[in-house]
Amino acid sequence: PSANRHDFVYGLPEINRERIAKARHVANPGCFAT
């Protein structure tokens, strides 16, 4: 439903730690997904 661009970084530290460290907005992963 939302096709708008956004600046959220996907918050899985095991693969995105460096991006999370610089992020202003973080999208926390889902439980099953994690």
PDB file of all heavy atoms in Angstrom:
ATOM      1  N   PRO A   1       0.800  -1.226   0.000  1.00  0.00           N
ATOM      2  CA  PRO A   1       0.000   0.000   0.000  1.00  0.00           C
ATOM      3  C   PRO A   1       0.831   1.273   0.000  1.00  0.00           C
ATOM      4  O   PRO A   1       0.432   2.295  -0.541  1.00  0.00           O
ATOM      5  CB  PRO A   1      -0.814  -0.111   1.291  1.00  0.00           C
ATOM      6  CG  PRO A   1      -0.942  -1.575   1.514  1.00  0.00           C
ATOM      7  CD  PRO A   1       0.345  -2.180   1.019  1.00  0.00           C
ATOM      8  N   SER A   2       2.001   1.226   0.636  1.00  0.00           N
ATOM      9  CA  SER A   2       2.885   2.386   0.633  1.00  0.00           C
ATOM     10  C   SER A   2       4.024   2.159  -0.348  1.00  0.00           C
ATOM     11  O   SER A   2       4.877   1.312  -0.140  1.00  0.00           O
ATOM     12  CB  SER A   2       3.472   2.633   2.028  1.00  0.00           C
ATOM     13  OG  SER A   2       4.520   3.556   1.934  1.00  0.00           O
ATOM     14  N   ALA A   3       4.024   2.911  -1.438  1.00  0.00           N
ATOM     15  CA  ALA A   3       5.116   2.810  -2.402  1.00  0.00           C
ATOM     16  C   ALA A   3       6.004   4.051  -2.324  1.00  0.00           C
ATOM     17  O   ALA A   3       6.816   4.301  -3.191  1.00  0.00           O
ATOM     18  CB  ALA A   3       4.566   2.644  -3.814  1.00  0.00           C
ATOM     19  N   ASN A   4       5.821   4.843  -1.258  1.00  0.00           N
ATOM     20  CA  ASN A   4       6.624   6.056  -1.097  1.00  0.00           C
ATOM     21  C   ASN A   4       8.065   5.689  -0.744  1.00  0.00           C
ATOM     22  O   ASN A   4       8.326   4.720  -0.036  1.00  0.00           O
ATOM     23  CB  ASN A   4       6.037   6.937   0.019  1.00  0.00           C
ATOM     24  CG  ASN A   4       4.660   7.451  -0.327  1.00  0.00           C
ATOM     25  OD1 ASN A   4       4.367   7.693  -1.489  1.00  0.00           O
ATOM     26  ND2 ASN A   4       3.818   7.600   0.678  1.00  0.00           N
ATOM     27  N   ARG A   5       8.978   6.492  -1.216  1.00  0.00           N
ATOM     28  CA  ARG A   5      10.365   6.274  -0.854  1.00  0.00           C
ATOM     29  C   ARG A   5      10.564   6.637   0.623  1.00  0.00           C
ATOM     30  O   ARG A   5       9.904   7.527   1.149  1.00  0.00           O
ATOM     31  CB  ARG A   5      11.272   7.119  -1.748  1.00  0.00           C
ATOM     32  CG  ARG A   5      11.209   6.733  -3.224  1.00  0.00           C
ATOM     33  CD  ARG A   5      12.336   7.348  -3.998  1.00  0.00           C
ATOM     34  NE  ARG A   5      13.632   6.864  -3.567  1.00  0.00           N
ATOM     35  CZ  ARG A   5      14.167   5.700  -3.965  1.00  0.00           C
ATOM     36  NH1 ARG A   5      13.493   4.920  -4.785  1.00  0.00           N
ATOM     37  NH2 ARG A   5      15.360   5.332  -3.541  1.00  0.00           N
ATOM     38  N   HIS A   6      11.468   5.932   1.266  1.00  0.00           N
ATOM     39  CA  HIS A   6      11.750   6.228   2.672  1.00  0.00           C
ATOM     40  C   HIS A   6      13.229   5.988   2.929  1.00  0.00           C
ATOM     41  O   HIS A   6      13.943   5.407   2.105  1.00  0.00           O
ATOM     42  CB  HIS A   6      10.869   5.362   3.580  1.00  0.00           C
ATOM     43  CG  HIS A   6      11.131   3.881   3.473  1.00  0.00           C
ATOM     44  ND1 HIS A   6      12.234   3.281   4.027  1.00  0.00           N
ATOM     45  CD2 HIS A   6      10.443   2.885   2.856  1.00  0.00           C
ATOM     46  CE1 HIS A   6      12.208   1.979   3.791  1.00  0.00           C
ATOM     47  NE2 HIS A   6      11.132   1.715   3.066  1.00  0.00           N
ATOM     48  N   ASP A   7      13.694   6.464   4.095  1.00  0.00           N
ATOM     49  CA  ASP A   7      15.114   6.349   4.417  1.00  0.00           C
ATOM     50  C   ASP A   7      15.368   5.377   5.564  1.00  0.00           C
ATOM     51  O   ASP A   7      16.425   5.403   6.186  1.00  0.00           O
ATOM     52  CB  ASP A   7      15.686   7.729   4.762  1.00  0.00           C
ATOM     53  CG  ASP A   7      15.085   8.318   6.036  1.00  0.00           C
ATOM     54  OD1 ASP A   7      14.070   7.777   6.533  1.00  0.00           O
ATOM     55  OD2 ASP A   7      15.633   9.319   6.537  1.00  0.00           O
ATOM     56  N   PHE A   8      14.404   4.508   5.854  1.00  0.00           N
ATOM     57  CA  PHE A   8      14.572   3.544   6.944  1.00  0.00           C
ATOM     58  C   PHE A   8      15.588   2.468   6.558  1.00  0.00           C
ATOM     59  O   PHE A   8      15.541   1.915   5.458  1.00  0.00           O
ATOM     60  CB  PHE A   8      13.237   2.888   7.297  1.00  0.00           C
ATOM     61  CG  PHE A   8      12.380   3.702   8.213  1.00  0.00           C
ATOM     62  CD1 PHE A   8      11.690   4.809   7.740  1.00  0.00           C
ATOM     63  CD2 PHE A   8      12.255   3.376   9.558  1.00  0.00           C
ATOM     64  CE1 PHE A   8      10.892   5.576   8.584  1.00  0.00           C
ATOM     65  CE2 PHE A   8      11.460   4.130  10.408  1.00  0.00           C
ATOM     66  CZ  PHE A   8      10.779   5.233   9.924  1.00  0.00           C
ATOM     67  N   VAL A   9      16.483   2.172   7.483  1.00  0.00           N
ATOM     68  CA  VAL A   9      17.448   1.093   7.321  1.00  0.00           C
ATOM     69  C   VAL A   9      16.879  -0.152   7.983  1.00  0.00           C
ATOM     70  O   VAL A   9      16.344  -0.091   9.093  1.00  0.00           O
ATOM     71  CB  VAL A   9      18.806   1.464   7.958  1.00  0.00           C
ATOM     72  CG1 VAL A   9      19.749   0.265   8.004  1.00  0.00           C
ATOM     73  CG2 VAL A   9      19.444   2.621   7.201  1.00  0.00           C
ATOM     74  N   TYR A  10      17.011  -1.293   7.309  1.00  0.00           N
ATOM     75  CA  TYR A  10      16.514  -2.546   7.865  1.00  0.00           C
ATOM     76  C   TYR A  10      17.413  -2.972   9.025  1.00  0.00           C
ATOM     77  O   TYR A  10      18.619  -3.185   8.863  1.00  0.00           O
ATOM     78  CB  TYR A  10      16.491  -3.622   6.776  1.00  0.00           C
ATOM     79  CG  TYR A  10      15.810  -4.900   7.196  1.00  0.00           C
ATOM     80  CD1 TYR A  10      14.438  -4.927   7.461  1.00  0.00           C
ATOM     81  CD2 TYR A  10      16.529  -6.083   7.312  1.00  0.00           C
ATOM     82  CE1 TYR A  10      13.813  -6.098   7.839  1.00  0.00           C
ATOM     83  CE2 TYR A  10      15.903  -7.268   7.680  1.00  0.00           C
ATOM     84  CZ  TYR A  10      14.539  -7.259   7.940  1.00  0.00           C
ATOM     85  OH  TYR A  10      13.914  -8.440   8.315  1.00  0.00           O
ATOM     86  N   GLY A  11      16.819  -3.089  10.221  1.00  0.00           N
ATOM     87  CA  GLY A  11      17.589  -3.218  11.450  1.00  0.00           C
ATOM     88  C   GLY A  11      17.971  -4.620  11.861  1.00  0.00           C
ATOM     89  O   GLY A  11      17.694  -5.027  12.995  1.00  0.00           O
ATOM     90  N   LEU A  12      18.639  -5.349  10.970  1.00  0.00           N
ATOM     91  CA  LEU A  12      19.200  -6.647  11.337  1.00  0.00           C
ATOM     92  C   LEU A  12      20.708  -6.457  11.515  1.00  0.00           C
ATOM     93  O   LEU A  12      21.462  -6.408  10.538  1.00  0.00           O
ATOM     94  CB  LEU A  12      18.906  -7.690  10.259  1.00  0.00           C
ATOM     95  CG  LEU A  12      19.187  -9.148  10.664  1.00  0.00           C
ATOM     96  CD1 LEU A  12      18.192  -9.611  11.731  1.00  0.00           C
ATOM     97  CD2 LEU A  12      19.141 -10.083   9.459  1.00  0.00           C
ATOM     98  N   PRO A  13      21.186  -6.319  12.752  1.00  0.00           N
ATOM     99  CA  PRO A  13      22.586  -5.951  12.974  1.00  0.00           C
ATOM    100  C   PRO A  13      23.594  -6.912  12.361  1.00  0.00           C
ATOM    101  O   PRO A  13      24.694  -6.495  11.973  1.00  0.00           O
ATOM    102  CB  PRO A  13      22.702  -5.943  14.508  1.00  0.00           C
ATOM    103  CG  PRO A  13      21.317  -5.668  14.986  1.00  0.00           C
ATOM    104  CD  PRO A  13      20.424  -6.382  14.010  1.00  0.00           C
ATOM    105  N   GLU A  14      23.235  -8.179  12.255  1.00  0.00           N
ATOM    106  CA  GLU A  14      24.179  -9.171  11.751  1.00  0.00           C
ATOM    107  C   GLU A  14      24.623  -8.895  10.312  1.00  0.00           C
ATOM    108  O   GLU A  14      25.681  -9.364   9.889  1.00  0.00           O
ATOM    109  CB  GLU A  14      23.570 -10.577  11.869  1.00  0.00           C
ATOM    110  CG  GLU A  14      23.502 -11.121  13.285  1.00  0.00           C
ATOM    111  CD  GLU A  14      22.385 -10.535  14.129  1.00  0.00           C
ATOM    112  OE1 GLU A  14      21.579  -9.726  13.606  1.00  0.00           O
ATOM    113  OE2 GLU A  14      22.287 -10.876  15.323  1.00  0.00           O
ATOM    114  N   ILE A  15      23.822  -8.143   9.554  1.00  0.00           N
ATOM    115  CA  ILE A  15      24.235  -7.808   8.184  1.00  0.00           C
ATOM    116  C   ILE A  15      24.239  -6.305   7.905  1.00  0.00           C
ATOM    117  O   ILE A  15      24.818  -5.880   6.900  1.00  0.00           O
ATOM    118  CB  ILE A  15      23.348  -8.511   7.127  1.00  0.00           C
ATOM    119  CG1 ILE A  15      21.867  -8.129   7.288  1.00  0.00           C
ATOM    120  CG2 ILE A  15      23.536 -10.014   7.186  1.00  0.00           C
ATOM    121  CD1 ILE A  15      20.986  -8.619   6.151  1.00  0.00           C
ATOM    122  N   ASN A  16      23.632  -5.503   8.777  1.00  0.00           N
ATOM    123  CA  ASN A  16      23.500  -4.066   8.496  1.00  0.00           C
ATOM    124  C   ASN A  16      24.048  -3.176   9.599  1.00  0.00           C
ATOM    125  O   ASN A  16      23.666  -2.011   9.700  1.00  0.00           O
ATOM    126  CB  ASN A  16      22.022  -3.710   8.253  1.00  0.00           C
ATOM    127  CG  ASN A  16      21.522  -4.193   6.909  1.00  0.00           C
ATOM    128  OD1 ASN A  16      22.289  -4.363   5.965  1.00  0.00           O
ATOM    129  ND2 ASN A  16      20.218  -4.430   6.807  1.00  0.00           N
ATOM    130  N   ARG A  17      24.960  -3.680  10.413  1.00  0.00           N
ATOM    131  CA  ARG A  17      25.428  -2.907  11.576  1.00  0.00           C
ATOM    132  C   ARG A  17      25.973  -1.531  11.189  1.00  0.00           C
ATOM    133  O   ARG A  17      25.657  -0.523  11.821  1.00  0.00           O
ATOM    134  CB  ARG A  17      26.490  -3.708  12.336  1.00  0.00           C
ATOM    135  CG  ARG A  17      26.960  -3.041  13.628  1.00  0.00           C
ATOM    136  CD  ARG A  17      27.896  -3.934  14.418  1.00  0.00           C
ATOM    137  NE  ARG A  17      27.173  -5.025  15.074  1.00  0.00           N
ATOM    138  CZ  ARG A  17      27.143  -6.278  14.619  1.00  0.00           C
ATOM    139  NH1 ARG A  17      27.785  -6.599  13.507  1.00  0.00           N
ATOM    140  NH2 ARG A  17      26.472  -7.204  15.264  1.00  0.00           N
ATOM    141  N   GLU A  18      26.792  -1.467  10.158  1.00  0.00           N
ATOM    142  CA  GLU A  18      27.393  -0.184   9.773  1.00  0.00           C
ATOM    143  C   GLU A  18      26.343   0.805   9.290  1.00  0.00           C
ATOM    144  O   GLU A  18      26.427   2.010   9.593  1.00  0.00           O
ATOM    145  CB  GLU A  18      28.456  -0.409   8.694  1.00  0.00           C
ATOM    146  CG  GLU A  18      29.685  -1.140   9.194  1.00  0.00           C
ATOM    147  CD  GLU A  18      30.761  -1.288   8.125  1.00  0.00           C
ATOM    148  OE1 GLU A  18      30.565  -0.727   7.024  1.00  0.00           O
ATOM    149  OE2 GLU A  18      31.783  -1.944   8.400  1.00  0.00           O
ATOM    150  N   ARG A  19      25.355   0.338   8.556  1.00  0.00           N
ATOM    151  CA  ARG A  19      24.283   1.217   8.089  1.00  0.00           C
ATOM    152  C   ARG A  19      23.408   1.673   9.251  1.00  0.00           C
ATOM    153  O   ARG A  19      22.976   2.827   9.303  1.00  0.00           O
ATOM    154  CB  ARG A  19      23.430   0.504   7.034  1.00  0.00           C
ATOM    155  CG  ARG A  19      24.163   0.204   5.734  1.00  0.00           C
ATOM    156  CD  ARG A  19      23.233  -0.463   4.746  1.00  0.00           C
ATOM    157  NE  ARG A  19      22.115   0.412   4.405  1.00  0.00           N
ATOM    158  CZ  ARG A  19      20.894  -0.008   4.083  1.00  0.00           C
ATOM    159  NH1 ARG A  19      20.607  -1.302   4.090  1.00  0.00           N
ATOM    160  NH2 ARG A  19      19.952   0.855   3.781  1.00  0.00           N
ATOM    161  N   ILE A  20      23.145   0.785  10.201  1.00  0.00           N
ATOM    162  CA  ILE A  20      22.343   1.138  11.378  1.00  0.00           C
ATOM    163  C   ILE A  20      23.050   2.224  12.179  1.00  0.00           C
ATOM    164  O   ILE A  20      22.413   3.165  12.676  1.00  0.00           O
ATOM    165  CB  ILE A  20      22.093  -0.114  12.255  1.00  0.00           C
ATOM    166  CG1 ILE A  20      21.197  -1.125  11.510  1.00  0.00           C
ATOM    167  CG2 ILE A  20      21.448   0.276  13.587  1.00  0.00           C
ATOM    168  CD1 ILE A  20      21.193  -2.504  12.133  1.00  0.00           C
ATOM    169  N   ALA A  21      24.367   2.121  12.301  1.00  0.00           N
ATOM    170  CA  ALA A  21      25.138   3.091  13.081  1.00  0.00           C
ATOM    171  C   ALA A  21      25.008   4.506  12.531  1.00  0.00           C
ATOM    172  O   ALA A  21      25.109   5.483  13.285  1.00  0.00           O
ATOM    173  CB  ALA A  21      26.606   2.674  13.112  1.00  0.00           C
ATOM    174  N   LYS A  22      24.760   4.636  11.245  1.00  0.00           N
ATOM    175  CA  LYS A  22      24.642   5.948  10.611  1.00  0.00           C
ATOM    176  C   LYS A  22      23.193   6.369  10.390  1.00  0.00           C
ATOM    177  O   LYS A  22      22.934   7.469   9.904  1.00  0.00           O
ATOM    178  CB  LYS A  22      25.368   5.926   9.260  1.00  0.00           C
ATOM    179  CG  LYS A  22      26.850   5.605   9.353  1.00  0.00           C
ATOM    180  CD  LYS A  22      27.464   5.467   7.975  1.00  0.00           C
ATOM    181  CE  LYS A  22      28.923   5.070   8.035  1.00  0.00           C
ATOM    182  NZ  LYS A  22      29.489   4.869   6.670  1.00  0.00           N
ATOM    183  N   ALA A  23      22.243   5.512  10.746  1.00  0.00           N
ATOM    184  CA  ALA A  23      20.840   5.731  10.387  1.00  0.00           C
ATOM    185  C   ALA A  23      20.140   6.709  11.321  1.00  0.00           C
ATOM    186  O   ALA A  23      20.443   6.789  12.515  1.00  0.00           O
ATOM    187  CB  ALA A  23      20.087   4.413  10.378  1.00  0.00           C
ATOM    188  N   ARG A  24      19.189   7.436  10.761  1.00  0.00           N
ATOM    189  CA  ARG A  24      18.280   8.256  11.552  1.00  0.00           C
ATOM    190  C   ARG A  24      16.989   7.493  11.833  1.00  0.00           C
ATOM    191  O   ARG A  24      16.359   7.678  12.878  1.00  0.00           O
ATOM    192  CB  ARG A  24      17.970   9.552  10.790  1.00  0.00           C
ATOM    193  CG  ARG A  24      17.224  10.597  11.585  1.00  0.00           C
ATOM    194  CD  ARG A  24      17.293  11.945  10.898  1.00  0.00           C
ATOM    195  NE  ARG A  24      16.633  11.954   9.607  1.00  0.00           N
ATOM    196  CZ  ARG A  24      15.373  12.346   9.413  1.00  0.00           C
ATOM    197  NH1 ARG A  24      14.654  12.759  10.428  1.00  0.00           N
ATOM    198  NH2 ARG A  24      14.845  12.354   8.213  1.00  0.00           N
ATOM    199  N   HIS A  25      16.608   6.623  10.893  1.00  0.00           N
ATOM    200  CA  HIS A  25      15.392   5.826  11.018  1.00  0.00           C
ATOM    201  C   HIS A  25      15.727   4.354  10.791  1.00  0.00           C
ATOM    202  O   HIS A  25      16.417   4.023   9.818  1.00  0.00           O
ATOM    203  CB  HIS A  25      14.344   6.261   9.981  1.00  0.00           C
ATOM    204  CG  HIS A  25      13.905   7.683  10.125  1.00  0.00           C
ATOM    205  ND1 HIS A  25      13.439   8.437   9.071  1.00  0.00           N
ATOM    206  CD2 HIS A  25      13.849   8.495  11.216  1.00  0.00           C
ATOM    207  CE1 HIS A  25      13.105   9.637   9.496  1.00  0.00           C
ATOM    208  NE2 HIS A  25      13.357   9.702  10.798  1.00  0.00           N
ATOM    209  N   VAL A  26      15.233   3.487  11.666  1.00  0.00           N
ATOM    210  CA  VAL A  26      15.484   2.046  11.548  1.00  0.00           C
ATOM    211  C   VAL A  26      14.157   1.301  11.595  1.00  0.00           C
ATOM    212  O   VAL A  26      13.296   1.572  12.440  1.00  0.00           O
ATOM    213  CB  VAL A  26      16.417   1.552  12.675  1.00  0.00           C
ATOM    214  CG1 VAL A  26      16.398   0.024  12.768  1.00  0.00           C
ATOM    215  CG2 VAL A  26      17.845   2.046  12.434  1.00  0.00           C
ATOM    216  N   ALA A  27      14.012   0.353  10.663  1.00  0.00           N
ATOM    217  CA  ALA A  27      12.849  -0.539  10.654  1.00  0.00           C
ATOM    218  C   ALA A  27      13.261  -1.851  11.301  1.00  0.00           C
ATOM    219  O   ALA A  27      14.096  -2.586  10.762  1.00  0.00           O
ATOM    220  CB  ALA A  27      12.370  -0.769   9.215  1.00  0.00           C
ATOM    221  N   ASN A  28      12.698  -2.139  12.459  1.00  0.00           N
ATOM    222  CA  ASN A  28      13.038  -3.359  13.179  1.00  0.00           C
ATOM    223  C   ASN A  28      12.469  -4.566  12.443  1.00  0.00           C
ATOM    224  O   ASN A  28      11.315  -4.548  12.022  1.00  0.00           O
ATOM    225  CB  ASN A  28      12.453  -3.284  14.595  1.00  0.00           C
ATOM    226  CG  ASN A  28      13.335  -3.926  15.626  1.00  0.00           C
ATOM    227  OD1 ASN A  28      14.497  -3.564  15.772  1.00  0.00           O
ATOM    228  ND2 ASN A  28      12.790  -4.894  16.346  1.00  0.00           N
ATOM    229  N   PRO A  29      13.246  -5.643  12.266  1.00  0.00           N
ATOM    230  CA  PRO A  29      12.744  -6.817  11.545  1.00  0.00           C
ATOM    231  C   PRO A  29      11.590  -7.511  12.262  1.00  0.00           C
ATOM    232  O   PRO A  29      11.406  -7.379  13.475  1.00  0.00           O
ATOM    233  CB  PRO A  29      13.967  -7.738  11.480  1.00  0.00           C
ATOM    234  CG  PRO A  29      15.143  -6.818  11.625  1.00  0.00           C
ATOM    235  CD  PRO A  29      14.675  -5.751  12.563  1.00  0.00           C
ATOM    236  N   GLY A  30      10.826  -8.292  11.508  1.00  0.00           N
ATOM    237  CA  GLY A  30       9.769  -9.109  12.085  1.00  0.00           C
ATOM    238  C   GLY A  30      10.348 -10.284  12.861  1.00  0.00           C
ATOM    239  O   GLY A  30      11.511 -10.666  12.675  1.00  0.00           O
ATOM    240  N   CYS A  31       9.531 -10.869  13.732  1.00  0.00           N
ATOM    241  CA  CYS A  31      10.024 -11.946  14.603  1.00  0.00           C
ATOM    242  C   CYS A  31      10.332 -13.216  13.818  1.00  0.00           C
ATOM    243  O   CYS A  31      11.440 -13.761  13.913  1.00  0.00           O
ATOM    244  CB  CYS A  31       9.033 -12.206  15.730  1.00  0.00           C
ATOM    245  SG  CYS A  31       7.328 -12.498  15.198  1.00  0.00           S
ATOM    246  N   PHE A  32       9.368 -13.721  13.031  1.00  0.00           N
ATOM    247  CA  PHE A  32       9.648 -14.878  12.189  1.00  0.00           C
ATOM    248  C   PHE A  32      10.812 -14.579  11.254  1.00  0.00           C
ATOM    249  O   PHE A  32      11.691 -15.416  11.035  1.00  0.00           O
ATOM    250  CB  PHE A  32       8.417 -15.241  11.357  1.00  0.00           C
ATOM    251  CG  PHE A  32       7.475 -16.212  12.009  1.00  0.00           C
ATOM    252  CD1 PHE A  32       6.109 -15.963  12.028  1.00  0.00           C
ATOM    253  CD2 PHE A  32       7.929 -17.398  12.562  1.00  0.00           C
ATOM    254  CE1 PHE A  32       5.224 -16.866  12.601  1.00  0.00           C
ATOM    255  CE2 PHE A  32       7.055 -18.314  13.148  1.00  0.00           C
ATOM    256  CZ  PHE A  32       5.697 -18.043  13.168  1.00  0.00           C
ATOM    257  N   ALA A  33      10.792 -13.383  10.662  1.00  0.00           N
ATOM    258  CA  ALA A  33      11.833 -13.017   9.704  1.00  0.00           C
ATOM    259  C   ALA A  33      13.208 -13.072  10.342  1.00  0.00           C
ATOM    260  O   ALA A  33      14.170 -13.581   9.743  1.00  0.00           O
ATOM    261  CB  ALA A  33      11.561 -11.627   9.140  1.00  0.00           C
ATOM    262  N   THR A  34      13.342 -12.560  11.557  1.00  0.00           N
ATOM    263  CA  THR A  34      14.632 -12.582  12.248  1.00  0.00           C
ATOM    264  C   THR A  34      15.129 -14.005  12.431  1.00  0.00           C
ATOM    265  O   THR A  34      16.272 -14.339  12.100  1.00  0.00           O
ATOM    266  CB  THR A  34      14.522 -11.886  13.616  1.00  0.00           C
ATOM    267  OG1 THR A  34      14.214 -10.501  13.412  1.00  0.00           O
ATOM    268  CG2 THR A  34      15.820 -12.001  14.402  1.00  0.00           C
TER     269      THR A  34
END
